[in-house]
Each structure stands twice: as C-alpha cells, then as structure tokens.
Amino acid sequence: MNEERILAELSVSKGRRYFGAGTQMALGLLLIYIAGVQPPQNVFALVALLFFGAVALWQGWVLWCSTGHKLVLTSQELRDTSGRRLARLDDIDGVDRGFFAFKPSNGFMIKLKESAPRAWAPGLWWRIGRRVGVGGTTSGRAAREMADLISVLLTDRGRELLKDGRDES
C-alpha cells in the first residue's frame, strides 16, 4: 500500500478531551442522580430525566471515542485516523473560516462540490450535504493552519507544489 505524505494533522489535546467528555458525562450522571434522589411526581418528568441523562452519558462516551482520533490532511484527501474520509481535495469547492461562517468553534467550514452522506464525529467534525464542519474541541490555531493549507492546495500554485514535491521523492 502506498503511504501518502501527511501534510497536516489536527488533534484534540488531552485537557480538552477530558473536559469535554467529562462535562457531558457529569451532566448525564447529575440528571440520573436527580431522578433517583428526588424523583418528580410526574412520571413523564422522571422518564425525561432518565432519558436525557442516558443520552448525555452516551454523548460523552461518543465524544471521548471520536476525539481519540486525529484529522489527517494528505495531498489527496482529508480523513481521520480511523480511516473515514471527510472529503477528497478534488471535491472541495472552498474553505470558509470567517467570523460569520456556520462552523464549529475553533474550526472551519469546507464547502464540497457535491453532496456527501451525513457523518459525525462529535468534537472533531461533521458533514451534512455539501458542508463539512471541522473543529469543536480542537485547537483554533492548528485548525486555522489546516484551513489555510487546504486553501493553498486548492489553488493552481498549491497543486504545482504538490507535484514538484512528489517528483523529488
């Protein structure tokens, strides 16, 4: 198998990972604790507390698992270390990291040329239709650097630099 050269990586720091997943799981435990210690008189309220507590615990676990992976940018695609492809570079129409862009915090938005299946890795990335949001619990600086590198790669000059880099190796 050909190993592609990794141009950039985007990961979540341990502190952000612990804080994000821990806070979500603490909320779930708190809701379940409230349901057990002071159960409401209304059975629907009790079921709601238990349901939302279980959902918060599940979300905390999914956040923990997804933030254990990194995002990897190669000359061909943006993918995570579990192997899921976010987008091929040829399919990217543009990158938006403006102030008013609909993007995750500390992240950026990728606009695709064609719609792709929905996918979600909490705290790391999501994809709906022609939009891919990258970020959340990631470092803002590292996400900005990756967004800038993708923007450069989308230009003709960036593609020429990649070709020149491949010829030398």
N, C-alpha and C. Protein backbone atom coordinates (compact mmCIF):
# COMPACT_ATOMS: atom_id res chain seq x y z
N MET A 1 0.83 -1.18 0.00
CA MET A 1 0.00 0.00 0.00
C MET A 1 0.87 1.24 0.00
N ASN A 2 0.55 2.20 -0.85
CA ASN A 2 1.30 3.45 -0.91
C ASN A 2 0.98 4.31 0.28
N GLU A 3 1.99 4.74 0.99
CA GLU A 3 1.80 5.65 2.10
C GLU A 3 1.86 7.07 1.56
N GLU A 4 0.81 7.81 1.78
CA GLU A 4 0.79 9.20 1.35
C GLU A 4 1.49 10.06 2.40
N ARG A 5 2.10 11.11 1.91
CA ARG A 5 2.76 12.05 2.81
C ARG A 5 1.70 12.86 3.54
N ILE A 6 1.81 12.93 4.85
CA ILE A 6 0.88 13.70 5.66
C ILE A 6 1.33 15.15 5.67
N LEU A 7 0.43 16.03 5.22
CA LEU A 7 0.75 17.45 5.14
C LEU A 7 0.43 18.19 6.44
N ALA A 8 -0.63 17.76 7.12
CA ALA A 8 -1.03 18.40 8.38
C ALA A 8 -1.87 17.43 9.19
N GLU A 9 -1.80 17.60 10.51
CA GLU A 9 -2.63 16.82 11.43
C GLU A 9 -3.34 17.78 12.37
N LEU A 10 -4.55 17.39 12.74
CA LEU A 10 -5.35 18.19 13.67
C LEU A 10 -5.86 17.23 14.74
N SER A 11 -5.47 17.48 15.98
CA SER A 11 -5.86 16.60 17.06
C SER A 11 -6.43 17.40 18.22
N VAL A 12 -6.97 16.69 19.18
CA VAL A 12 -7.55 17.29 20.36
C VAL A 12 -6.60 17.08 21.53
N SER A 13 -6.32 18.13 22.28
CA SER A 13 -5.43 18.00 23.43
C SER A 13 -6.11 17.17 24.51
N LYS A 14 -5.31 16.57 25.36
CA LYS A 14 -5.85 15.74 26.44
C LYS A 14 -6.76 16.54 27.35
N GLY A 15 -6.38 17.75 27.66
CA GLY A 15 -7.18 18.58 28.56
C GLY A 15 -8.56 18.87 27.99
N ARG A 16 -8.62 19.24 26.72
CA ARG A 16 -9.91 19.50 26.09
C ARG A 16 -10.74 18.22 26.00
N ARG A 17 -10.07 17.12 25.73
CA ARG A 17 -10.77 15.84 25.62
C ARG A 17 -11.37 15.44 26.97
N TYR A 18 -10.58 15.51 28.03
CA TYR A 18 -11.07 15.18 29.36
C TYR A 18 -12.20 16.13 29.78
N PHE A 19 -12.00 17.43 29.54
CA PHE A 19 -13.01 18.41 29.97
C PHE A 19 -14.31 18.23 29.21
N GLY A 20 -14.25 18.09 27.89
CA GLY A 20 -15.46 17.96 27.08
C GLY A 20 -16.25 16.71 27.41
N ALA A 21 -15.58 15.57 27.39
CA ALA A 21 -16.27 14.31 27.67
C ALA A 21 -16.68 14.23 29.14
N GLY A 22 -15.84 14.72 30.03
CA GLY A 22 -16.15 14.70 31.46
C GLY A 22 -17.35 15.56 31.80
N THR A 23 -17.43 16.73 31.21
CA THR A 23 -18.56 17.62 31.46
C THR A 23 -19.86 16.99 30.96
N GLN A 24 -19.81 16.41 29.79
CA GLN A 24 -21.00 15.78 29.22
C GLN A 24 -21.45 14.59 30.08
N MET A 25 -20.50 13.77 30.50
CA MET A 25 -20.85 12.62 31.34
C MET A 25 -21.32 13.06 32.73
N ALA A 26 -20.73 14.13 33.26
CA ALA A 26 -21.16 14.65 34.56
C ALA A 26 -22.61 15.13 34.49
N LEU A 27 -22.98 15.76 33.38
CA LEU A 27 -24.37 16.18 33.20
C LEU A 27 -25.30 14.97 33.22
N GLY A 28 -24.92 13.92 32.50
CA GLY A 28 -25.73 12.70 32.48
C GLY A 28 -25.89 12.10 33.86
N LEU A 29 -24.78 12.00 34.59
CA LEU A 29 -24.85 11.45 35.94
C LEU A 29 -25.69 12.32 36.86
N LEU A 30 -25.58 13.63 36.72
CA LEU A 30 -26.37 14.55 37.54
C LEU A 30 -27.87 14.38 37.29
N LEU A 31 -28.25 14.26 36.03
CA LEU A 31 -29.67 14.08 35.71
C LEU A 31 -30.20 12.76 36.27
N ILE A 32 -29.42 11.71 36.14
CA ILE A 32 -29.83 10.41 36.68
C ILE A 32 -29.86 10.45 38.21
N TYR A 33 -28.91 11.14 38.82
CA TYR A 33 -28.88 11.29 40.27
C TYR A 33 -30.12 12.03 40.77
N ILE A 34 -30.47 13.10 40.10
CA ILE A 34 -31.67 13.86 40.48
C ILE A 34 -32.91 12.97 40.38
N ALA A 35 -32.98 12.18 39.31
CA ALA A 35 -34.13 11.28 39.14
C ALA A 35 -34.18 10.24 40.25
N GLY A 36 -33.04 9.83 40.78
CA GLY A 36 -33.02 8.82 41.83
C GLY A 36 -33.23 9.38 43.22
N VAL A 37 -32.64 10.54 43.51
CA VAL A 37 -32.70 11.11 44.85
C VAL A 37 -34.00 11.87 45.09
N GLN A 38 -34.40 12.68 44.16
CA GLN A 38 -35.65 13.45 44.28
C GLN A 38 -36.49 13.25 43.03
N PRO A 39 -37.09 12.08 42.89
CA PRO A 39 -37.87 11.83 41.67
C PRO A 39 -39.09 12.75 41.60
N PRO A 40 -39.34 13.32 40.45
CA PRO A 40 -40.51 14.18 40.31
C PRO A 40 -41.81 13.36 40.42
N GLN A 41 -42.89 14.04 40.79
CA GLN A 41 -44.18 13.38 40.92
C GLN A 41 -44.71 12.91 39.58
N ASN A 42 -44.46 13.68 38.56
CA ASN A 42 -44.95 13.35 37.22
C ASN A 42 -44.05 12.25 36.62
N VAL A 43 -44.66 11.16 36.18
CA VAL A 43 -43.90 10.05 35.63
C VAL A 43 -43.19 10.43 34.33
N PHE A 44 -43.78 11.34 33.56
CA PHE A 44 -43.15 11.79 32.31
C PHE A 44 -41.88 12.59 32.60
N ALA A 45 -41.90 13.38 33.67
CA ALA A 45 -40.71 14.13 34.05
C ALA A 45 -39.60 13.18 34.49
N LEU A 46 -39.98 12.13 35.21
CA LEU A 46 -38.99 11.14 35.64
C LEU A 46 -38.38 10.42 34.44
N VAL A 47 -39.23 10.02 33.52
CA VAL A 47 -38.73 9.36 32.31
C VAL A 47 -37.84 10.31 31.51
N ALA A 48 -38.21 11.58 31.45
CA ALA A 48 -37.40 12.57 30.72
C ALA A 48 -36.04 12.74 31.37
N LEU A 49 -36.00 12.82 32.70
CA LEU A 49 -34.71 12.94 33.39
C LEU A 49 -33.82 11.74 33.10
N LEU A 50 -34.39 10.55 33.20
CA LEU A 50 -33.61 9.34 32.94
C LEU A 50 -33.17 9.26 31.48
N PHE A 51 -34.09 9.60 30.58
CA PHE A 51 -33.76 9.56 29.15
C PHE A 51 -32.64 10.53 28.81
N PHE A 52 -32.78 11.79 29.23
CA PHE A 52 -31.77 12.79 28.90
C PHE A 52 -30.45 12.52 29.63
N GLY A 53 -30.51 11.93 30.81
CA GLY A 53 -29.29 11.53 31.50
C GLY A 53 -28.55 10.44 30.72
N ALA A 54 -29.32 9.45 30.23
CA ALA A 54 -28.70 8.38 29.44
C ALA A 54 -28.13 8.92 28.13
N VAL A 55 -28.86 9.84 27.49
CA VAL A 55 -28.38 10.44 26.24
C VAL A 55 -27.10 11.24 26.49
N ALA A 56 -27.04 11.98 27.58
CA ALA A 56 -25.84 12.75 27.89
C ALA A 56 -24.65 11.83 28.17
N LEU A 57 -24.89 10.72 28.86
CA LEU A 57 -23.80 9.75 29.08
C LEU A 57 -23.33 9.17 27.76
N TRP A 58 -24.27 8.82 26.90
CA TRP A 58 -23.91 8.27 25.58
C TRP A 58 -23.12 9.30 24.77
N GLN A 59 -23.58 10.56 24.77
CA GLN A 59 -22.87 11.60 24.03
C GLN A 59 -21.46 11.81 24.57
N GLY A 60 -21.30 11.75 25.88
CA GLY A 60 -19.97 11.87 26.47
C GLY A 60 -19.05 10.75 26.02
N TRP A 61 -19.60 9.53 25.96
CA TRP A 61 -18.80 8.39 25.51
C TRP A 61 -18.42 8.54 24.04
N VAL A 62 -19.38 8.93 23.20
CA VAL A 62 -19.10 9.10 21.77
C VAL A 62 -18.08 10.22 21.56
N LEU A 63 -18.20 11.31 22.34
CA LEU A 63 -17.22 12.40 22.26
C LEU A 63 -15.84 11.89 22.65
N TRP A 64 -15.76 11.09 23.71
CA TRP A 64 -14.48 10.53 24.15
C TRP A 64 -13.85 9.68 23.04
N CYS A 65 -14.66 8.83 22.43
CA CYS A 65 -14.13 7.95 21.38
C CYS A 65 -13.70 8.73 20.14
N SER A 66 -14.52 9.69 19.71
CA SER A 66 -14.19 10.41 18.47
C SER A 66 -13.00 11.34 18.64
N THR A 67 -12.83 11.94 19.81
CA THR A 67 -11.70 12.84 20.00
C THR A 67 -10.39 12.09 20.22
N GLY A 68 -10.44 10.77 20.29
CA GLY A 68 -9.22 9.98 20.35
C GLY A 68 -8.54 9.87 19.00
N HIS A 69 -9.24 10.28 17.95
CA HIS A 69 -8.68 10.24 16.60
C HIS A 69 -8.14 11.62 16.21
N LYS A 70 -7.34 11.63 15.17
CA LYS A 70 -6.82 12.88 14.60
C LYS A 70 -7.38 13.05 13.21
N LEU A 71 -7.38 14.27 12.72
CA LEU A 71 -7.67 14.54 11.32
C LEU A 71 -6.34 14.65 10.59
N VAL A 72 -6.27 14.03 9.43
CA VAL A 72 -5.04 13.97 8.66
C VAL A 72 -5.30 14.54 7.27
N LEU A 73 -4.49 15.50 6.87
CA LEU A 73 -4.57 16.08 5.53
C LEU A 73 -3.42 15.54 4.70
N THR A 74 -3.76 14.91 3.58
CA THR A 74 -2.75 14.45 2.63
C THR A 74 -2.93 15.21 1.33
N SER A 75 -2.15 14.88 0.34
CA SER A 75 -2.27 15.56 -0.95
C SER A 75 -3.54 15.15 -1.68
N GLN A 76 -4.21 14.09 -1.22
CA GLN A 76 -5.40 13.59 -1.90
C GLN A 76 -6.69 13.85 -1.14
N GLU A 77 -6.64 13.82 0.22
CA GLU A 77 -7.89 13.86 0.97
C GLU A 77 -7.67 14.36 2.39
N LEU A 78 -8.80 14.65 3.03
CA LEU A 78 -8.84 14.94 4.45
C LEU A 78 -9.61 13.79 5.09
N ARG A 79 -8.98 13.10 6.04
CA ARG A 79 -9.60 11.94 6.68
C ARG A 79 -9.22 11.92 8.14
N ASP A 80 -9.91 11.07 8.90
CA ASP A 80 -9.49 10.88 10.28
C ASP A 80 -8.68 9.60 10.39
N THR A 81 -8.06 9.40 11.54
CA THR A 81 -7.16 8.27 11.68
C THR A 81 -7.90 6.94 11.78
N SER A 82 -9.22 6.98 11.89
CA SER A 82 -9.98 5.72 11.85
C SER A 82 -10.20 5.28 10.40
N GLY A 83 -9.84 6.14 9.46
CA GLY A 83 -9.97 5.81 8.05
C GLY A 83 -11.16 6.44 7.36
N ARG A 84 -12.02 7.13 8.11
CA ARG A 84 -13.18 7.76 7.49
C ARG A 84 -12.75 9.01 6.73
N ARG A 85 -13.15 9.08 5.47
CA ARG A 85 -12.81 10.22 4.63
C ARG A 85 -13.82 11.34 4.83
N LEU A 86 -13.32 12.54 5.14
CA LEU A 86 -14.19 13.70 5.24
C LEU A 86 -14.45 14.25 3.86
N ALA A 87 -13.39 14.42 3.07
CA ALA A 87 -13.52 14.96 1.72
C ALA A 87 -12.24 14.71 0.94
N ARG A 88 -12.41 14.45 -0.34
CA ARG A 88 -11.25 14.43 -1.24
C ARG A 88 -10.95 15.86 -1.63
N LEU A 89 -9.68 16.18 -1.83
CA LEU A 89 -9.33 17.56 -2.19
C LEU A 89 -9.96 17.97 -3.52
N ASP A 90 -10.11 17.02 -4.44
CA ASP A 90 -10.74 17.34 -5.72
C ASP A 90 -12.21 17.69 -5.57
N ASP A 91 -12.84 17.25 -4.49
CA ASP A 91 -14.26 17.52 -4.26
C ASP A 91 -14.51 18.80 -3.48
N ILE A 92 -13.46 19.46 -3.00
CA ILE A 92 -13.62 20.67 -2.18
C ILE A 92 -13.78 21.88 -3.08
N ASP A 93 -14.83 22.65 -2.81
CA ASP A 93 -15.11 23.86 -3.56
C ASP A 93 -14.49 25.09 -2.90
N GLY A 94 -14.37 25.06 -1.59
CA GLY A 94 -13.79 26.19 -0.89
C GLY A 94 -13.73 25.96 0.61
N VAL A 95 -13.02 26.85 1.30
CA VAL A 95 -12.87 26.79 2.74
C VAL A 95 -13.31 28.13 3.30
N ASP A 96 -14.10 28.09 4.37
CA ASP A 96 -14.59 29.32 4.99
C ASP A 96 -14.31 29.25 6.48
N ARG A 97 -13.55 30.21 6.97
CA ARG A 97 -13.31 30.29 8.40
C ARG A 97 -13.59 31.70 8.91
N GLY A 98 -14.48 32.38 8.20
CA GLY A 98 -14.84 33.73 8.56
C GLY A 98 -15.62 33.79 9.87
N PHE A 99 -15.75 35.00 10.38
CA PHE A 99 -16.40 35.22 11.66
C PHE A 99 -17.86 34.77 11.65
N PHE A 100 -18.56 35.00 10.56
CA PHE A 100 -19.97 34.67 10.49
C PHE A 100 -20.25 33.34 9.79
N ALA A 101 -19.23 32.55 9.55
CA ALA A 101 -19.42 31.26 8.90
C ALA A 101 -20.10 30.30 9.87
N PHE A 102 -20.97 29.45 9.35
CA PHE A 102 -21.62 28.42 10.17
C PHE A 102 -20.63 27.28 10.33
N LYS A 103 -19.81 27.37 11.38
CA LYS A 103 -18.72 26.43 11.57
C LYS A 103 -18.63 26.08 13.05
N PRO A 104 -17.97 24.96 13.36
CA PRO A 104 -17.74 24.65 14.77
C PRO A 104 -16.79 25.67 15.40
N SER A 105 -16.85 25.79 16.72
CA SER A 105 -15.93 26.70 17.38
C SER A 105 -14.50 26.20 17.16
N ASN A 106 -13.57 27.11 17.09
CA ASN A 106 -12.16 26.80 16.84
C ASN A 106 -11.97 25.98 15.58
N GLY A 107 -12.79 26.21 14.57
CA GLY A 107 -12.69 25.40 13.37
C GLY A 107 -12.96 26.16 12.10
N PHE A 108 -13.33 25.41 11.06
CA PHE A 108 -13.59 25.99 9.76
C PHE A 108 -14.61 25.15 9.02
N MET A 109 -15.13 25.71 7.94
CA MET A 109 -16.14 25.05 7.12
C MET A 109 -15.57 24.74 5.75
N ILE A 110 -15.80 23.53 5.28
CA ILE A 110 -15.41 23.14 3.92
C ILE A 110 -16.68 23.02 3.10
N LYS A 111 -16.68 23.65 1.94
CA LYS A 111 -17.81 23.53 1.01
C LYS A 111 -17.43 22.54 -0.08
N LEU A 112 -18.25 21.52 -0.25
CA LEU A 112 -17.98 20.49 -1.24
C LEU A 112 -18.68 20.82 -2.56
N LYS A 113 -18.18 20.27 -3.64
CA LYS A 113 -18.80 20.46 -4.95
C LYS A 113 -20.10 19.66 -5.07
N GLU A 114 -20.13 18.49 -4.44
CA GLU A 114 -21.31 17.63 -4.48
C GLU A 114 -21.68 17.19 -3.07
N SER A 115 -22.92 16.85 -2.90
CA SER A 115 -23.41 16.40 -1.61
C SER A 115 -22.78 15.06 -1.23
N ALA A 116 -22.55 14.87 0.06
CA ALA A 116 -21.96 13.63 0.58
C ALA A 116 -22.85 13.12 1.71
N PRO A 117 -22.73 11.85 2.05
CA PRO A 117 -23.55 11.29 3.13
C PRO A 117 -23.27 11.97 4.47
N ARG A 118 -24.29 12.04 5.30
CA ARG A 118 -24.12 12.62 6.63
C ARG A 118 -23.17 11.76 7.46
N ALA A 119 -22.36 12.44 8.25
CA ALA A 119 -21.46 11.75 9.16
C ALA A 119 -21.12 12.72 10.29
N TRP A 120 -20.72 12.15 11.44
CA TRP A 120 -20.49 12.98 12.60
C TRP A 120 -19.48 12.33 13.52
N ALA A 121 -18.50 13.07 13.93
CA ALA A 121 -17.56 12.67 14.98
C ALA A 121 -17.55 13.82 15.97
N PRO A 122 -18.35 13.73 17.04
CA PRO A 122 -18.52 14.86 17.97
C PRO A 122 -17.20 15.44 18.45
N GLY A 123 -17.13 16.75 18.46
CA GLY A 123 -15.95 17.44 18.92
C GLY A 123 -14.83 17.52 17.91
N LEU A 124 -15.00 16.85 16.76
CA LEU A 124 -13.93 16.80 15.76
C LEU A 124 -14.41 17.27 14.40
N TRP A 125 -15.50 16.70 13.89
CA TRP A 125 -16.02 17.11 12.58
C TRP A 125 -17.44 16.60 12.39
N TRP A 126 -18.13 17.20 11.43
CA TRP A 126 -19.44 16.72 10.97
C TRP A 126 -19.59 17.03 9.49
N ARG A 127 -20.47 16.29 8.85
CA ARG A 127 -20.73 16.51 7.42
C ARG A 127 -22.23 16.37 7.18
N ILE A 128 -22.80 17.41 6.57
CA ILE A 128 -24.21 17.41 6.18
C ILE A 128 -24.29 17.98 4.78
N GLY A 129 -24.74 17.17 3.84
CA GLY A 129 -24.89 17.65 2.47
C GLY A 129 -23.57 18.07 1.86
N ARG A 130 -23.51 19.33 1.45
CA ARG A 130 -22.28 19.85 0.82
C ARG A 130 -21.37 20.57 1.81
N ARG A 131 -21.64 20.46 3.08
CA ARG A 131 -20.86 21.17 4.09
C ARG A 131 -20.17 20.20 5.04
N VAL A 132 -18.91 20.51 5.34
CA VAL A 132 -18.14 19.75 6.32
C VAL A 132 -17.62 20.75 7.34
N GLY A 133 -18.00 20.56 8.59
CA GLY A 133 -17.52 21.41 9.67
C GLY A 133 -16.40 20.71 10.41
N VAL A 134 -15.27 21.37 10.53
CA VAL A 134 -14.10 20.80 11.20
C VAL A 134 -13.81 21.65 12.43
N GLY A 135 -13.62 21.01 13.57
CA GLY A 135 -13.29 21.74 14.79
C GLY A 135 -14.21 21.35 15.92
N GLY A 136 -14.24 22.18 16.92
CA GLY A 136 -15.04 21.93 18.11
C GLY A 136 -14.12 21.92 19.32
N THR A 137 -13.54 20.79 19.60
CA THR A 137 -12.62 20.69 20.73
C THR A 137 -11.16 20.82 20.30
N THR A 138 -10.95 21.10 19.03
CA THR A 138 -9.58 21.21 18.51
C THR A 138 -8.98 22.57 18.84
N SER A 139 -7.70 22.69 18.66
CA SER A 139 -7.00 23.96 18.85
C SER A 139 -7.35 24.90 17.70
N GLY A 140 -7.70 26.13 18.02
CA GLY A 140 -8.04 27.10 17.00
C GLY A 140 -6.88 27.40 16.07
N ARG A 141 -5.69 27.46 16.62
CA ARG A 141 -4.51 27.76 15.81
C ARG A 141 -4.22 26.63 14.81
N ALA A 142 -4.26 25.39 15.28
CA ALA A 142 -3.99 24.27 14.39
C ALA A 142 -5.07 24.14 13.31
N ALA A 143 -6.31 24.40 13.68
CA ALA A 143 -7.40 24.35 12.70
C ALA A 143 -7.23 25.45 11.65
N ARG A 144 -6.83 26.63 12.09
CA ARG A 144 -6.59 27.75 11.16
C ARG A 144 -5.46 27.41 10.19
N GLU A 145 -4.40 26.78 10.70
CA GLU A 145 -3.29 26.40 9.83
C GLU A 145 -3.72 25.35 8.80
N MET A 146 -4.55 24.38 9.24
CA MET A 146 -5.03 23.37 8.31
C MET A 146 -5.95 24.00 7.26
N ALA A 147 -6.81 24.91 7.67
CA ALA A 147 -7.71 25.58 6.72
C ALA A 147 -6.91 26.38 5.70
N ASP A 148 -5.88 27.07 6.16
CA ASP A 148 -5.04 27.84 5.24
C ASP A 148 -4.31 26.92 4.27
N LEU A 149 -3.83 25.78 4.75
CA LEU A 149 -3.13 24.84 3.88
C LEU A 149 -4.07 24.25 2.84
N ILE A 150 -5.30 23.94 3.23
CA ILE A 150 -6.28 23.45 2.25
C ILE A 150 -6.56 24.51 1.21
N SER A 151 -6.69 25.76 1.64
CA SER A 151 -6.92 26.86 0.69
C SER A 151 -5.78 26.97 -0.30
N VAL A 152 -4.55 26.84 0.18
CA VAL A 152 -3.39 26.91 -0.71
C VAL A 152 -3.40 25.73 -1.68
N LEU A 153 -3.72 24.54 -1.18
CA LEU A 153 -3.74 23.36 -2.03
C LEU A 153 -4.81 23.45 -3.11
N LEU A 154 -5.85 24.19 -2.87
CA LEU A 154 -6.93 24.32 -3.85
C LEU A 154 -6.55 25.24 -5.00
N THR A 155 -5.54 26.06 -4.80
CA THR A 155 -5.09 26.93 -5.87
C THR A 155 -4.20 26.16 -6.84
N ASP A 156 -4.03 26.67 -8.03
CA ASP A 156 -3.16 26.01 -9.01
C ASP A 156 -1.72 25.95 -8.51
N ARG A 157 -1.28 26.99 -7.83
CA ARG A 157 0.09 27.01 -7.30
C ARG A 157 0.28 25.90 -6.27
N GLY A 158 -0.70 25.68 -5.44
CA GLY A 158 -0.60 24.61 -4.44
C GLY A 158 -0.51 23.24 -5.08
N ARG A 159 -1.27 23.02 -6.13
CA ARG A 159 -1.21 21.73 -6.83
C ARG A 159 0.15 21.53 -7.49
N GLU A 160 0.74 22.63 -8.02
CA GLU A 160 2.07 22.54 -8.62
C GLU A 160 3.12 22.20 -7.57
N LEU A 161 2.99 22.80 -6.38
CA LEU A 161 3.93 22.50 -5.30
C LEU A 161 3.85 21.03 -4.91
N LEU A 162 2.64 20.49 -4.88
CA LEU A 162 2.50 19.07 -4.55
C LEU A 162 3.14 18.19 -5.60
N LYS A 163 2.94 18.54 -6.87
CA LYS A 163 3.54 17.74 -7.96
C LYS A 163 5.06 17.81 -7.88
N ASP A 164 5.60 19.02 -7.63
CA ASP A 164 7.04 19.17 -7.51
C ASP A 164 7.57 18.36 -6.34
N GLY A 165 6.84 18.33 -5.24
CA GLY A 165 7.25 17.57 -4.06
C GLY A 165 7.25 16.08 -4.32
N ARG A 166 6.32 15.59 -5.15
CA ARG A 166 6.26 14.16 -5.46
C ARG A 166 7.40 13.77 -6.38
N ASP A 167 7.78 14.67 -7.32
CA ASP A 167 8.83 14.34 -8.27
C ASP A 167 10.17 14.18 -7.58
N GLU A 168 10.39 14.93 -6.51
CA GLU A 168 11.67 14.89 -5.82
C GLU A 168 11.84 13.62 -5.00
N SER A 169 10.73 13.05 -4.52
CA SER A 169 10.86 11.89 -3.63
C SER A 169 10.82 10.57 -4.36
